[in-house]
Amino acid sequence: MDSTDAAGAYSRLNRDQIEALSGYGERRRTREGDVLVREGQRHRDLFVVLSGAVAMVEGSGTGEERLVGVHGPGWFLDEVGLLTGRPSFVSAVVREPGEVLALPVPALLDFVARDPRLGDVILRAFLCRREQLLGAVAGIRIVGSRFSPDTRRLREFAARNRIPHTWIDLEEDETAERLLRRMRVGPGQTPVVIWRDGRVLHNPTNAELAQRVGPGAVDELPGAIVDVVIAGGGPAGLAAAVYGASEGLDVVVLDAVGAGGQAGTSPRIENYLGFPAGISGAELTDRAVVQAEKFGAAIAAPATAVALERRDGYHAVRVGGREGVVRARTVVVATGARYRRLDVPRLADFEGTSVYYAATVVEARFCARRPVVVVGGGNSAGQAVVFLLQHAASVRLVIRHADLGRDMSRYLVDQIERDGRVEVHRDSKVCGLAGADGRLESVEVEHEPTGERRSLDAGLLFVFVGAQPCTDWLGGLVALDEQGYVRTGPAVGGPVAGGRPPDLLETSEPGVFAVGDVRSGSIKRVASAVGEGAMAIRLVHQHLARLGRLSEG
């Protein structure tokens, strides 16, 4: 993280900026060897180096100590985890004595609200540094077999929540056995999560891992009744959180795995307004989470909404995993949809080891030098093909119709058709899988017009064949359409309690709104989901006014 790093252009403050910040923080003298930030611990101060030098060190004090970078005068420390309450993944150790300015995060946020230009400088540097940590050998280590569903679960959770981590594969990494022996862990006790200081978590649940490394900003569910609880942390839910919190509402966001939803797993979104070079779903999520929390939204993950109940004058969302209930005056349902499973024999034999429903950096590690098959004709399938071409030995795309452009954006169609490495099987379907011990070896594909079948070599299969709404938890409280999506507005087909027509995004239950992919008739695009999330907050205000709780904004 010295002047040669990707964040270097954003990491140094000028004299005027430091002078302006000085009124919000405290100057501290430093001595060589002082630890300003300790790896694995949460802290709540931003440090600006005024004089001297501070080294960023991974594994400080261990036999695996590694210098990450050095900050000199004018540079500020840390990355985006400081703003979201996560523990640090590196230590900050004073290399040359001098002086630092320490700013508590609340004071920092208060200042950047007054000076957005400086806030943008700091945020861009923080995001760049998180990318560096994710791409380097930093953070926690997950040791386990690629054929273990629990290894897959832990890696997916870490990736979805942008937790810097290294995966050590029991099958292929020769250092795995030596590391486990040093930690006194047997191969049968894996997967394990290891910190550099020697702490070991034996096959932790997602909630246990989140408690140690983030990402939940809420350790305990609120006891008081809040203005709005948002079930789902995808683009629609996060947009509702940003607009709701910025307008003074008490907002709680619940997500089963981590913020971002399906969009958060997208390697690159190229048609989102304002990002002509494209933006990854993960970076878009990082920015939205910081923005929501800056305004005071509370985000809890993992926290699964498992039931919705009507109570006296409010709604109660029961939360699985935390065994609690969040009470709210209004609810925004943003739980999205999950990809459907293929109806083929032996699918369950390979799920979690060779069959995947997302194409992220986690899956990319499995693809190295292996042939893969992608099934589906929509944007998610197209984005997966373009991304996997950077990692896999070969990519074959299977679609049920002849026109690749029927359901896929033109920019993706053009990239796929221009790339000679992609083999497209049109008018085809997957009809069989072959392999042993959870290891996929080939996929059988049938050309439907002729009935001809072919066996395609495949180490991995990626499935994007339509979606199924996540509405089971609603328990019949709101009206659904024939496919299980939530009806809203005129589609409800009648008045809500009190005889009034439902608002545009309101369900059949007054004060419960649905946005994004979970809503019947929604446009399955990130931009429309964000728009619906913002619009829902205006309708929340209207409902609160009906209840007699007049809100500003």
Protein backbone atom coordinates (compact mmCIF):
# COMPACT_ATOMS: atom_id res chain seq x y z
CA MET A 1 0.00 0.00 0.00
CA ASP A 2 2.87 2.34 -0.75
CA SER A 3 2.92 4.87 -3.57
CA THR A 4 2.93 2.10 -6.18
CA ASP A 5 -0.42 0.56 -5.19
CA ALA A 6 -3.71 0.95 -7.05
CA ALA A 7 -5.09 3.20 -4.33
CA GLY A 8 -2.06 5.46 -4.35
CA ALA A 9 -3.71 8.19 -6.37
CA TYR A 10 -6.40 8.53 -3.72
CA SER A 11 -4.54 7.79 -0.49
CA ARG A 12 -2.60 10.96 0.22
CA LEU A 13 -4.22 14.06 1.68
CA ASN A 14 -2.95 17.56 1.03
CA ARG A 15 -2.13 20.07 3.73
CA ASP A 16 -5.50 21.84 3.55
CA GLN A 17 -7.42 18.58 3.89
CA ILE A 18 -5.36 17.52 6.90
CA GLU A 19 -5.83 20.92 8.49
CA ALA A 20 -9.61 20.66 7.99
CA LEU A 21 -9.68 17.18 9.54
CA SER A 22 -7.60 18.22 12.55
CA GLY A 23 -10.56 19.80 14.27
CA TYR A 24 -12.36 16.44 14.30
CA GLY A 25 -9.57 14.26 15.66
CA GLU A 26 -6.72 13.97 18.13
CA ARG A 27 -2.98 14.22 17.44
CA ARG A 28 -0.92 11.40 18.94
CA ARG A 29 2.83 10.91 19.15
CA THR A 30 4.07 7.51 18.00
CA ARG A 31 7.08 5.38 18.82
CA GLU A 32 8.74 2.70 16.74
CA GLY A 33 6.89 -0.59 17.21
CA ASP A 34 3.57 0.95 18.31
CA VAL A 35 0.63 -1.07 16.97
CA LEU A 36 -2.07 1.33 15.77
CA VAL A 37 -4.29 -1.37 14.27
CA ARG A 38 -4.12 -5.04 15.21
CA GLU A 39 -5.03 -7.80 12.77
CA GLY A 40 -8.20 -9.65 13.72
CA GLN A 41 -9.55 -6.87 15.95
CA ARG A 42 -12.18 -4.21 15.29
CA HIS A 43 -11.26 -0.58 15.80
CA ARG A 44 -13.09 2.69 15.25
CA ASP A 45 -10.41 5.27 14.39
CA LEU A 46 -9.07 6.47 11.06
CA PHE A 47 -5.37 7.26 11.31
CA VAL A 48 -3.70 9.91 9.16
CA VAL A 49 0.11 9.86 9.22
CA LEU A 50 1.42 13.36 9.95
CA SER A 51 5.09 12.42 10.29
CA GLY A 52 7.11 9.23 10.46
CA ALA A 53 6.08 6.00 8.71
CA VAL A 54 3.60 3.18 9.39
CA ALA A 55 3.98 -0.33 7.98
CA MET A 56 0.97 -2.47 7.04
CA VAL A 57 1.85 -6.03 8.02
CA GLU A 58 0.09 -9.34 7.57
CA GLY A 59 0.71 -11.96 10.27
CA SER A 60 2.53 -9.50 12.52
CA GLY A 61 4.62 -11.26 15.16
CA THR A 62 4.26 -14.71 13.57
CA GLY A 63 6.61 -16.80 11.46
CA GLU A 64 4.58 -15.82 8.40
CA GLU A 65 4.92 -12.06 8.83
CA ARG A 66 4.69 -10.25 5.47
CA LEU A 67 5.03 -6.57 4.64
CA VAL A 68 2.04 -5.34 2.63
CA GLY A 69 3.04 -1.67 2.30
CA VAL A 70 4.29 1.47 4.03
CA HIS A 71 2.44 4.74 4.58
CA GLY A 72 4.31 8.03 4.95
CA PRO A 73 3.25 11.59 5.81
CA GLY A 74 -0.13 12.61 4.41
CA TRP A 75 -1.34 9.04 3.94
CA PHE A 76 -4.32 7.59 5.77
CA LEU A 77 -4.65 3.97 6.88
CA ASP A 78 -7.27 1.23 6.53
CA GLU A 79 -9.88 0.04 4.02
CA VAL A 80 -13.66 -0.18 3.71
CA GLY A 81 -13.99 -2.60 6.65
CA LEU A 82 -13.37 0.36 8.99
CA LEU A 83 -16.70 1.88 7.91
CA THR A 84 -18.66 -1.38 8.13
CA GLY A 85 -17.34 -2.49 11.51
CA ARG A 86 -15.25 -5.45 10.38
CA PRO A 87 -12.01 -6.51 12.04
CA SER A 88 -8.80 -5.55 10.32
CA PHE A 89 -7.07 -8.09 8.09
CA VAL A 90 -3.63 -6.49 8.50
CA SER A 91 -1.79 -4.76 11.36
CA ALA A 92 -0.55 -1.17 11.28
CA VAL A 93 2.85 -0.96 13.02
CA VAL A 94 4.89 2.24 13.42
CA ARG A 95 8.16 1.85 11.52
CA GLU A 96 9.50 5.38 12.05
CA PRO A 97 8.37 7.46 15.08
CA GLY A 98 6.36 10.58 14.45
CA GLU A 99 2.78 11.75 14.83
CA VAL A 100 -0.66 10.61 13.64
CA LEU A 101 -4.11 12.16 13.61
CA ALA A 102 -6.77 9.80 15.01
CA LEU A 103 -10.37 10.43 13.90
CA PRO A 104 -13.24 8.39 15.38
CA VAL A 105 -15.43 7.04 12.57
CA PRO A 106 -18.54 9.03 13.66
CA ALA A 107 -16.51 12.24 13.50
CA LEU A 108 -15.10 11.21 10.12
CA LEU A 109 -18.58 10.58 8.72
CA ASP A 110 -19.78 13.91 10.09
CA PHE A 111 -16.91 15.69 8.35
CA VAL A 112 -17.26 13.98 4.95
CA ALA A 113 -20.99 14.78 4.99
CA ARG A 114 -19.89 18.42 5.01
CA ASP A 115 -17.14 17.82 2.44
CA PRO A 116 -18.32 15.15 -0.05
CA ARG A 117 -15.23 15.60 -2.24
CA LEU A 118 -12.95 14.45 0.56
CA GLY A 119 -15.37 11.66 1.36
CA ASP A 120 -15.08 10.43 -2.22
CA VAL A 121 -11.27 10.43 -1.97
CA ILE A 122 -11.36 8.28 1.17
CA LEU A 123 -14.06 5.90 -0.10
CA ARG A 124 -12.31 5.26 -3.43
CA ALA A 125 -9.07 4.48 -1.61
CA PHE A 126 -10.88 2.16 0.80
CA LEU A 127 -12.54 0.27 -2.06
CA CYS A 128 -9.25 -0.09 -3.94
CA ARG A 129 -7.56 -1.43 -0.83
CA ARG A 130 -10.30 -4.01 -0.27
CA GLU A 131 -9.73 -5.19 -3.86
CA GLN A 132 -6.02 -5.49 -3.10
CA LEU A 133 -6.69 -7.56 0.00
CA LEU A 134 -9.06 -9.82 -1.91
CA GLY A 135 -6.46 -10.38 -4.60
CA ALA A 136 -3.54 -10.94 -2.23
CA VAL A 137 -2.67 -13.68 0.23
CA ALA A 138 -4.42 -11.94 3.09
CA GLY A 139 -7.19 -12.47 5.59
CA ILE A 140 -8.50 -15.76 6.90
CA ARG A 141 -7.56 -19.17 5.49
CA ILE A 142 -10.19 -21.78 4.69
CA VAL A 143 -8.77 -25.30 4.58
CA GLY A 144 -10.96 -28.00 3.10
CA SER A 145 -11.76 -30.26 0.19
CA ARG A 146 -13.22 -28.85 -3.01
CA PHE A 147 -15.70 -31.73 -2.84
CA SER A 148 -16.96 -30.78 0.62
CA PRO A 149 -20.30 -28.90 0.65
CA ASP A 150 -19.26 -27.15 3.88
CA THR A 151 -16.03 -25.93 2.28
CA ARG A 152 -18.08 -24.62 -0.58
CA ARG A 153 -20.52 -22.93 1.85
CA LEU A 154 -17.74 -21.14 3.76
CA ARG A 155 -16.02 -19.98 0.58
CA GLU A 156 -19.28 -18.74 -0.87
CA PHE A 157 -20.11 -16.85 2.32
CA ALA A 158 -16.65 -15.25 2.37
CA ALA A 159 -16.90 -14.29 -1.30
CA ARG A 160 -20.45 -12.94 -1.06
CA ASN A 161 -19.44 -10.76 1.90
CA ARG A 162 -16.13 -9.64 0.41
CA ILE A 163 -14.11 -11.18 3.23
CA PRO A 164 -10.43 -11.46 2.24
CA HIS A 165 -9.54 -15.12 2.37
CA THR A 166 -7.29 -17.81 0.97
CA TRP A 167 -8.59 -21.25 0.13
CA ILE A 168 -6.20 -24.14 0.71
CA ASP A 169 -7.38 -27.22 -1.19
CA LEU A 170 -6.81 -30.51 0.61
CA GLU A 171 -6.64 -32.34 -2.72
CA GLU A 172 -4.12 -30.18 -4.54
CA ASP A 173 -2.23 -27.88 -2.15
CA GLU A 174 0.84 -29.57 -0.74
CA THR A 175 1.00 -27.10 2.16
CA ALA A 176 -2.44 -28.15 3.47
CA GLU A 177 -1.34 -31.22 5.41
CA ARG A 178 1.62 -29.41 6.95
CA LEU A 179 -0.58 -26.51 8.03
CA LEU A 180 -3.21 -28.80 9.57
CA ARG A 181 -0.55 -30.76 11.44
CA ARG A 182 0.85 -27.53 12.89
CA MET A 183 -2.66 -26.54 14.02
CA ARG A 184 -3.26 -30.05 15.40
CA VAL A 185 -6.21 -30.58 13.10
CA GLY A 186 -6.90 -33.91 11.40
CA PRO A 187 -8.08 -34.05 7.76
CA GLY A 188 -11.37 -35.50 8.99
CA GLN A 189 -11.99 -32.34 11.05
CA THR A 190 -12.03 -30.05 8.03
CA PRO A 191 -13.11 -27.62 6.81
CA VAL A 192 -11.51 -25.20 9.23
CA VAL A 193 -11.03 -21.44 9.23
CA ILE A 194 -7.63 -20.24 10.44
CA TRP A 195 -6.48 -16.78 11.48
CA ARG A 196 -2.82 -15.83 11.15
CA ASP A 197 -2.51 -15.66 14.93
CA GLY A 198 -3.36 -19.36 15.20
CA ARG A 199 -7.06 -19.17 16.09
CA VAL A 200 -8.96 -22.06 14.51
CA LEU A 201 -12.72 -22.36 13.85
CA HIS A 202 -13.84 -25.93 13.19
CA ASN A 203 -16.46 -25.96 10.42
CA PRO A 204 -18.19 -22.81 11.72
CA THR A 205 -21.72 -21.89 10.72
CA ASN A 206 -22.13 -18.76 8.62
CA ALA A 207 -23.37 -16.95 11.71
CA GLU A 208 -20.30 -18.00 13.73
CA LEU A 209 -17.97 -16.87 10.95
CA ALA A 210 -19.82 -13.56 10.62
CA GLN A 211 -19.47 -12.97 14.36
CA ARG A 212 -15.68 -13.22 14.03
CA VAL A 213 -15.05 -11.39 10.77
CA GLY A 214 -18.22 -9.45 9.98
CA PRO A 215 -20.20 -8.53 8.00
CA GLY A 216 -23.26 -7.96 10.16
CA ALA A 217 -23.43 -4.41 11.49
CA VAL A 218 -26.07 -5.57 13.98
CA ASP A 219 -25.10 -8.01 16.72
CA GLU A 220 -28.55 -7.93 18.31
CA LEU A 221 -31.92 -7.43 16.69
CA PRO A 222 -33.67 -4.23 17.81
CA GLY A 223 -36.21 -4.59 20.60
CA ALA A 224 -38.15 -1.43 19.76
CA ILE A 225 -40.59 -1.16 16.87
CA VAL A 226 -38.78 0.25 13.81
CA ASP A 227 -40.24 2.18 10.90
CA VAL A 228 -39.33 -0.35 8.22
CA VAL A 229 -37.71 -3.76 8.05
CA ILE A 230 -36.32 -4.73 4.66
CA ALA A 231 -36.12 -8.46 3.97
CA GLY A 232 -33.37 -8.95 1.40
CA GLY A 233 -30.13 -7.07 0.74
CA GLY A 234 -30.01 -7.07 -3.06
CA PRO A 235 -30.08 -3.88 -5.16
CA ALA A 236 -33.78 -3.25 -4.40
CA GLY A 237 -33.37 -3.79 -0.67
CA LEU A 238 -30.20 -1.71 -0.43
CA ALA A 239 -31.79 1.13 -2.40
CA ALA A 240 -34.73 1.12 0.01
CA ALA A 241 -32.26 1.17 2.91
CA VAL A 242 -30.32 4.13 1.52
CA TYR A 243 -33.40 6.22 0.78
CA GLY A 244 -35.20 5.24 3.97
CA ALA A 245 -32.28 5.92 6.30
CA SER A 246 -31.34 9.14 4.51
CA GLU A 247 -34.88 10.41 5.11
CA GLY A 248 -34.76 9.76 8.84
CA LEU A 249 -36.53 6.39 9.08
CA ASP A 250 -35.44 3.62 11.45
CA VAL A 251 -34.31 0.94 8.98
CA VAL A 252 -33.24 -2.67 9.53
CA VAL A 253 -32.07 -4.85 6.63
CA LEU A 254 -32.07 -8.65 6.93
CA ASP A 255 -30.23 -10.90 4.50
CA ALA A 256 -29.76 -14.66 4.59
CA VAL A 257 -26.17 -14.71 3.30
CA GLY A 258 -24.84 -11.25 2.61
CA ALA A 259 -25.74 -8.05 0.82
CA GLY A 260 -25.81 -7.97 -2.95
CA GLY A 261 -28.28 -10.67 -3.94
CA GLN A 262 -27.84 -12.23 -7.37
CA ALA A 263 -26.47 -8.95 -8.70
CA GLY A 264 -23.70 -9.13 -6.09
CA THR A 265 -22.38 -12.31 -7.72
CA SER A 266 -22.17 -10.72 -11.17
CA PRO A 267 -18.55 -10.38 -12.33
CA ARG A 268 -19.39 -7.26 -14.36
CA ILE A 269 -22.51 -5.18 -14.95
CA GLU A 270 -21.95 -3.16 -18.11
CA ASN A 271 -25.36 -1.59 -18.68
CA TYR A 272 -25.89 0.17 -15.34
CA LEU A 273 -26.31 3.93 -15.66
CA GLY A 274 -23.24 5.97 -14.74
CA PHE A 275 -20.61 3.22 -15.10
CA PRO A 276 -19.54 3.24 -18.78
CA ALA A 277 -16.62 0.90 -18.07
CA GLY A 278 -18.88 -1.44 -16.10
CA ILE A 279 -18.82 -2.29 -12.42
CA SER A 280 -18.73 -5.61 -10.62
CA GLY A 281 -21.75 -6.56 -8.56
CA ALA A 282 -19.50 -6.88 -5.52
CA GLU A 283 -18.16 -3.32 -5.80
CA LEU A 284 -21.64 -1.93 -6.38
CA THR A 285 -22.74 -3.76 -3.23
CA ASP A 286 -19.80 -2.45 -1.18
CA ARG A 287 -20.65 1.12 -2.13
CA ALA A 288 -24.34 0.66 -1.35
CA VAL A 289 -23.66 -0.91 2.06
CA VAL A 290 -21.34 1.92 3.08
CA GLN A 291 -23.90 4.45 1.86
CA ALA A 292 -26.78 2.82 3.75
CA GLU A 293 -24.81 2.52 6.98
CA LYS A 294 -23.56 6.10 6.65
CA PHE A 295 -27.18 7.23 6.91
CA GLY A 296 -27.84 4.95 9.89
CA ALA A 297 -29.40 1.81 8.39
CA ALA A 298 -28.71 -1.36 10.40
CA ILE A 299 -27.71 -4.33 8.23
CA ALA A 300 -27.79 -7.84 9.70
CA ALA A 301 -26.30 -10.83 7.87
CA PRO A 302 -26.68 -13.72 8.05
CA ALA A 303 -30.23 -13.13 9.23
CA THR A 304 -32.93 -15.00 7.34
CA ALA A 305 -36.53 -13.81 7.31
CA VAL A 306 -38.46 -17.04 7.97
CA ALA A 307 -41.98 -15.80 8.75
CA LEU A 308 -44.15 -12.69 8.52
CA GLU A 309 -46.99 -12.14 10.98
CA ARG A 310 -49.62 -9.45 11.50
CA ARG A 311 -49.82 -8.15 15.05
CA ASP A 312 -51.63 -5.29 16.78
CA GLY A 313 -50.78 -2.28 14.66
CA TYR A 314 -47.48 -3.58 13.34
CA HIS A 315 -45.79 -6.47 11.52
CA ALA A 316 -43.41 -9.02 12.99
CA VAL A 317 -40.65 -10.63 10.94
CA ARG A 318 -39.29 -13.78 12.53
CA VAL A 319 -35.57 -14.22 11.95
CA GLY A 320 -33.96 -17.63 11.62
CA GLY A 321 -30.47 -18.24 12.93
CA ARG A 322 -30.80 -15.45 15.48
CA GLU A 323 -34.02 -16.80 17.00
CA GLY A 324 -35.58 -13.37 17.23
CA VAL A 325 -38.30 -11.13 15.89
CA VAL A 326 -38.07 -7.66 14.36
CA ARG A 327 -41.20 -5.57 14.84
CA ALA A 328 -41.91 -2.89 12.26
CA ARG A 329 -44.60 -0.48 11.16
CA THR A 330 -43.90 -1.36 7.53
CA VAL A 331 -42.13 -4.16 5.67
CA VAL A 332 -40.37 -4.12 2.30
CA VAL A 333 -40.15 -7.60 0.78
CA ALA A 334 -37.00 -7.76 -1.37
CA THR A 335 -36.07 -11.42 -1.04
CA GLY A 336 -35.64 -11.87 -4.79
CA ALA A 337 -35.57 -15.20 -6.54
CA ARG A 338 -33.26 -18.19 -6.72
CA TYR A 339 -32.28 -20.06 -9.86
CA ARG A 340 -34.30 -23.17 -10.66
CA ARG A 341 -32.71 -26.60 -10.57
CA LEU A 342 -32.42 -28.70 -13.70
CA ASP A 343 -34.79 -31.65 -13.94
CA VAL A 344 -32.15 -34.25 -14.75
CA PRO A 345 -31.16 -37.52 -13.03
CA ARG A 346 -28.29 -37.43 -10.52
CA LEU A 347 -28.28 -33.64 -10.19
CA ALA A 348 -28.14 -33.88 -6.39
CA ASP A 349 -25.01 -36.06 -6.64
CA PHE A 350 -23.04 -33.13 -8.03
CA GLU A 351 -24.60 -30.05 -6.41
CA GLY A 352 -22.19 -28.23 -4.13
CA THR A 353 -19.18 -29.89 -5.74
CA SER A 354 -19.58 -29.61 -9.51
CA VAL A 355 -22.94 -27.90 -10.19
CA TYR A 356 -23.21 -24.18 -9.40
CA TYR A 357 -25.79 -21.41 -9.62
CA ALA A 358 -23.40 -18.45 -9.67
CA ALA A 359 -20.14 -17.64 -11.44
CA THR A 360 -17.91 -15.65 -9.10
CA VAL A 361 -14.23 -15.65 -8.14
CA VAL A 362 -14.99 -18.65 -5.91
CA GLU A 363 -16.14 -20.82 -8.78
CA ALA A 364 -13.41 -19.45 -11.03
CA ARG A 365 -10.80 -21.13 -8.83
CA PHE A 366 -12.44 -24.49 -9.57
CA CYS A 367 -12.47 -23.81 -13.32
CA ALA A 368 -8.74 -23.51 -13.92
CA ARG A 369 -7.77 -25.66 -16.92
CA ARG A 370 -11.12 -27.50 -16.84
CA PRO A 371 -13.97 -27.61 -19.38
CA VAL A 372 -17.26 -26.10 -18.24
CA VAL A 373 -20.85 -26.05 -19.49
CA VAL A 374 -23.22 -23.13 -18.93
CA VAL A 375 -27.00 -23.65 -19.25
CA GLY A 376 -29.34 -20.71 -19.82
CA GLY A 377 -30.15 -17.96 -22.28
CA GLY A 378 -30.49 -14.84 -20.11
CA ASN A 379 -28.08 -12.15 -18.98
CA SER A 380 -26.83 -14.14 -15.99
CA ALA A 381 -25.78 -16.99 -18.27
CA GLY A 382 -24.17 -14.55 -20.72
CA GLN A 383 -22.22 -12.79 -17.98
CA ALA A 384 -21.08 -16.18 -16.67
CA VAL A 385 -19.79 -17.23 -20.09
CA VAL A 386 -17.82 -14.02 -20.60
CA PHE A 387 -16.32 -14.27 -17.10
CA LEU A 388 -15.50 -17.98 -17.20
CA LEU A 389 -13.65 -17.61 -20.50
CA GLN A 390 -10.87 -15.98 -18.48
CA HIS A 391 -10.41 -19.10 -16.36
CA ALA A 392 -11.75 -22.31 -17.92
CA ALA A 393 -10.13 -24.53 -20.53
CA SER A 394 -13.29 -24.31 -22.65
CA VAL A 395 -16.85 -22.99 -22.33
CA ARG A 396 -19.99 -24.44 -23.93
CA LEU A 397 -23.33 -22.66 -23.71
CA VAL A 398 -26.58 -24.66 -23.93
CA ILE A 399 -29.85 -22.81 -24.72
CA ARG A 400 -33.36 -24.17 -25.34
CA HIS A 401 -34.05 -21.98 -28.40
CA ALA A 402 -32.21 -20.80 -31.51
CA ASP A 403 -31.94 -17.02 -30.92
CA LEU A 404 -29.21 -16.06 -28.48
CA GLY A 405 -30.47 -12.48 -28.51
CA ARG A 406 -34.03 -13.35 -27.48
CA ASP A 407 -33.45 -12.99 -23.72
CA MET A 408 -29.86 -11.72 -23.56
CA SER A 409 -28.61 -8.14 -23.86
CA ARG A 410 -26.97 -7.28 -27.16
CA TYR A 411 -23.60 -6.41 -25.62
CA LEU A 412 -23.30 -9.91 -24.18
CA VAL A 413 -24.46 -11.59 -27.40
CA ASP A 414 -21.82 -9.67 -29.35
CA GLN A 415 -19.03 -10.69 -26.96
CA ILE A 416 -20.03 -14.35 -27.07
CA GLU A 417 -20.46 -14.53 -30.85
CA ARG A 418 -17.13 -12.76 -31.45
CA ASP A 419 -15.20 -15.18 -29.25
CA GLY A 420 -14.28 -18.36 -31.07
CA ARG A 421 -13.64 -20.18 -27.79
CA VAL A 422 -17.38 -20.37 -27.00
CA GLU A 423 -19.36 -23.28 -28.44
CA VAL A 424 -23.10 -22.52 -28.44
CA HIS A 425 -25.56 -25.45 -28.53
CA ARG A 426 -28.90 -24.03 -29.70
CA ASP A 427 -32.31 -25.73 -29.45
CA SER A 428 -30.75 -28.06 -26.88
CA LYS A 429 -31.27 -29.25 -23.33
CA VAL A 430 -29.22 -31.08 -20.70
CA CYS A 431 -30.59 -34.61 -20.26
CA GLY A 432 -27.91 -36.39 -18.23
CA LEU A 433 -24.85 -36.07 -16.00
CA ALA A 434 -21.98 -38.52 -15.60
CA GLY A 435 -19.23 -38.82 -13.01
CA ALA A 436 -18.34 -40.44 -9.69
CA ASP A 437 -17.82 -39.40 -6.05
CA GLY A 438 -19.36 -35.98 -6.65
CA ARG A 439 -16.94 -35.23 -9.48
CA LEU A 440 -18.68 -34.33 -12.72
CA GLU A 441 -17.00 -35.69 -15.85
CA SER A 442 -19.46 -35.05 -18.67
CA VAL A 443 -22.84 -33.56 -19.55
CA GLU A 444 -25.21 -35.21 -22.03
CA VAL A 445 -26.99 -32.71 -24.30
CA GLU A 446 -29.92 -33.41 -26.59
CA HIS A 447 -30.63 -31.38 -29.75
CA GLU A 448 -34.43 -31.25 -29.44
CA PRO A 449 -35.42 -30.86 -33.15
CA THR A 450 -33.49 -34.01 -34.16
CA GLY A 451 -33.24 -35.96 -30.90
CA GLU A 452 -29.48 -36.30 -31.44
CA ARG A 453 -27.48 -36.60 -28.21
CA ARG A 454 -23.89 -35.57 -27.52
CA SER A 455 -21.63 -36.04 -24.51
CA LEU A 456 -19.71 -32.89 -23.59
CA ASP A 457 -16.64 -33.04 -21.37
CA ALA A 458 -17.39 -30.95 -18.28
CA GLY A 459 -15.72 -30.61 -14.92
CA LEU A 460 -18.30 -28.04 -13.83
CA LEU A 461 -21.87 -27.17 -14.78
CA PHE A 462 -23.33 -23.67 -14.29
CA VAL A 463 -27.12 -23.43 -14.26
CA PHE A 464 -29.13 -20.24 -15.01
CA VAL A 465 -32.52 -21.56 -16.15
CA GLY A 466 -35.13 -19.22 -14.81
CA ALA A 467 -35.92 -18.23 -11.28
CA GLN A 468 -38.17 -19.26 -8.42
CA PRO A 469 -39.34 -16.47 -6.07
CA CYS A 470 -38.28 -16.61 -2.43
CA THR A 471 -41.77 -16.22 -0.96
CA ASP A 472 -42.25 -19.34 1.18
CA TRP A 473 -41.59 -17.32 4.32
CA LEU A 474 -44.62 -15.09 3.70
CA GLY A 475 -46.92 -17.89 4.81
CA GLY A 476 -49.92 -16.87 2.73
CA LEU A 477 -50.21 -13.43 4.35
CA VAL A 478 -49.93 -11.67 0.98
CA ALA A 479 -51.43 -12.54 -2.40
CA LEU A 480 -49.17 -14.32 -4.91
CA ASP A 481 -49.54 -14.92 -8.64
CA GLU A 482 -49.59 -18.32 -10.34
CA GLN A 483 -45.79 -18.56 -10.32
CA GLY A 484 -45.50 -17.56 -6.66
CA TYR A 485 -44.41 -13.94 -7.17
CA VAL A 486 -45.91 -11.21 -4.95
CA ARG A 487 -48.83 -9.26 -6.40
CA THR A 488 -48.71 -5.50 -5.87
CA GLY A 489 -50.83 -2.47 -6.74
CA PRO A 490 -53.60 -3.10 -9.29
CA ALA A 491 -52.48 -6.74 -9.65
CA VAL A 492 -53.75 -7.42 -6.12
CA GLY A 493 -57.21 -7.37 -7.67
CA GLY A 494 -59.09 -5.60 -4.91
CA PRO A 495 -58.93 -3.13 -2.04
CA VAL A 496 -56.84 -3.57 1.09
CA ALA A 497 -58.14 -3.12 4.62
CA GLY A 498 -60.12 0.11 4.93
CA GLY A 499 -61.47 -0.18 1.41
CA ARG A 500 -58.73 1.81 -0.31
CA PRO A 501 -56.87 0.55 -3.40
CA PRO A 502 -53.32 -0.67 -2.65
CA ASP A 503 -50.46 1.66 -3.48
CA LEU A 504 -48.40 0.86 -6.58
CA LEU A 505 -45.89 -1.43 -4.81
CA GLU A 506 -48.12 -2.38 -1.88
CA THR A 507 -49.22 -5.99 -1.41
CA SER A 508 -52.62 -7.23 -0.29
CA GLU A 509 -51.42 -6.64 3.27
CA PRO A 510 -51.44 -2.90 4.19
CA GLY A 511 -47.97 -1.58 4.97
CA VAL A 512 -46.19 -4.50 3.29
CA PHE A 513 -44.49 -3.61 0.00
CA ALA A 514 -42.67 -5.79 -2.54
CA VAL A 515 -39.79 -4.68 -4.79
CA GLY A 516 -37.32 -6.20 -7.23
CA ASP A 517 -37.30 -9.73 -8.60
CA VAL A 518 -39.76 -11.06 -6.00
CA ARG A 519 -42.53 -8.80 -7.30
CA SER A 520 -44.96 -10.06 -9.92
CA GLY A 521 -44.40 -8.31 -13.24
CA SER A 522 -41.07 -6.74 -12.29
CA ILE A 523 -38.36 -6.09 -14.86
CA LYS A 524 -35.40 -8.27 -13.92
CA ARG A 525 -32.72 -5.58 -14.14
CA VAL A 526 -30.53 -3.91 -11.51
CA ALA A 527 -31.62 -0.39 -12.48
CA SER A 528 -35.32 -1.17 -12.17
CA ALA A 529 -34.77 -2.91 -8.83
CA VAL A 530 -32.98 0.18 -7.49
CA GLY A 531 -35.80 2.38 -8.73
CA GLU A 532 -38.44 0.24 -7.05
CA GLY A 533 -36.52 0.25 -3.78
CA ALA A 534 -36.41 4.05 -3.81
CA MET A 535 -40.08 4.31 -4.79
CA ALA A 536 -41.12 1.98 -1.97
CA ILE A 537 -39.80 4.44 0.62
CA ARG A 538 -42.10 7.17 -0.69
CA LEU A 539 -45.01 4.74 -0.23
CA VAL A 540 -43.73 3.84 3.24
CA HIS A 541 -43.93 7.52 4.18
CA GLN A 542 -47.52 7.64 2.94
CA HIS A 543 -48.44 4.61 5.03
CA LEU A 544 -46.76 6.01 8.14
CA ALA A 545 -48.74 9.21 7.64
CA ARG A 546 -51.94 7.16 7.60
CA LEU A 547 -50.87 5.62 10.89
CA GLY A 548 -50.39 9.09 12.32
CA ARG A 549 -46.60 8.94 12.36
CA LEU A 550 -45.82 11.88 10.10
CA SER A 551 -42.32 11.63 8.68
CA GLU A 552 -40.20 14.24 7.08
CA GLY A 553 -39.05 13.75 3.51
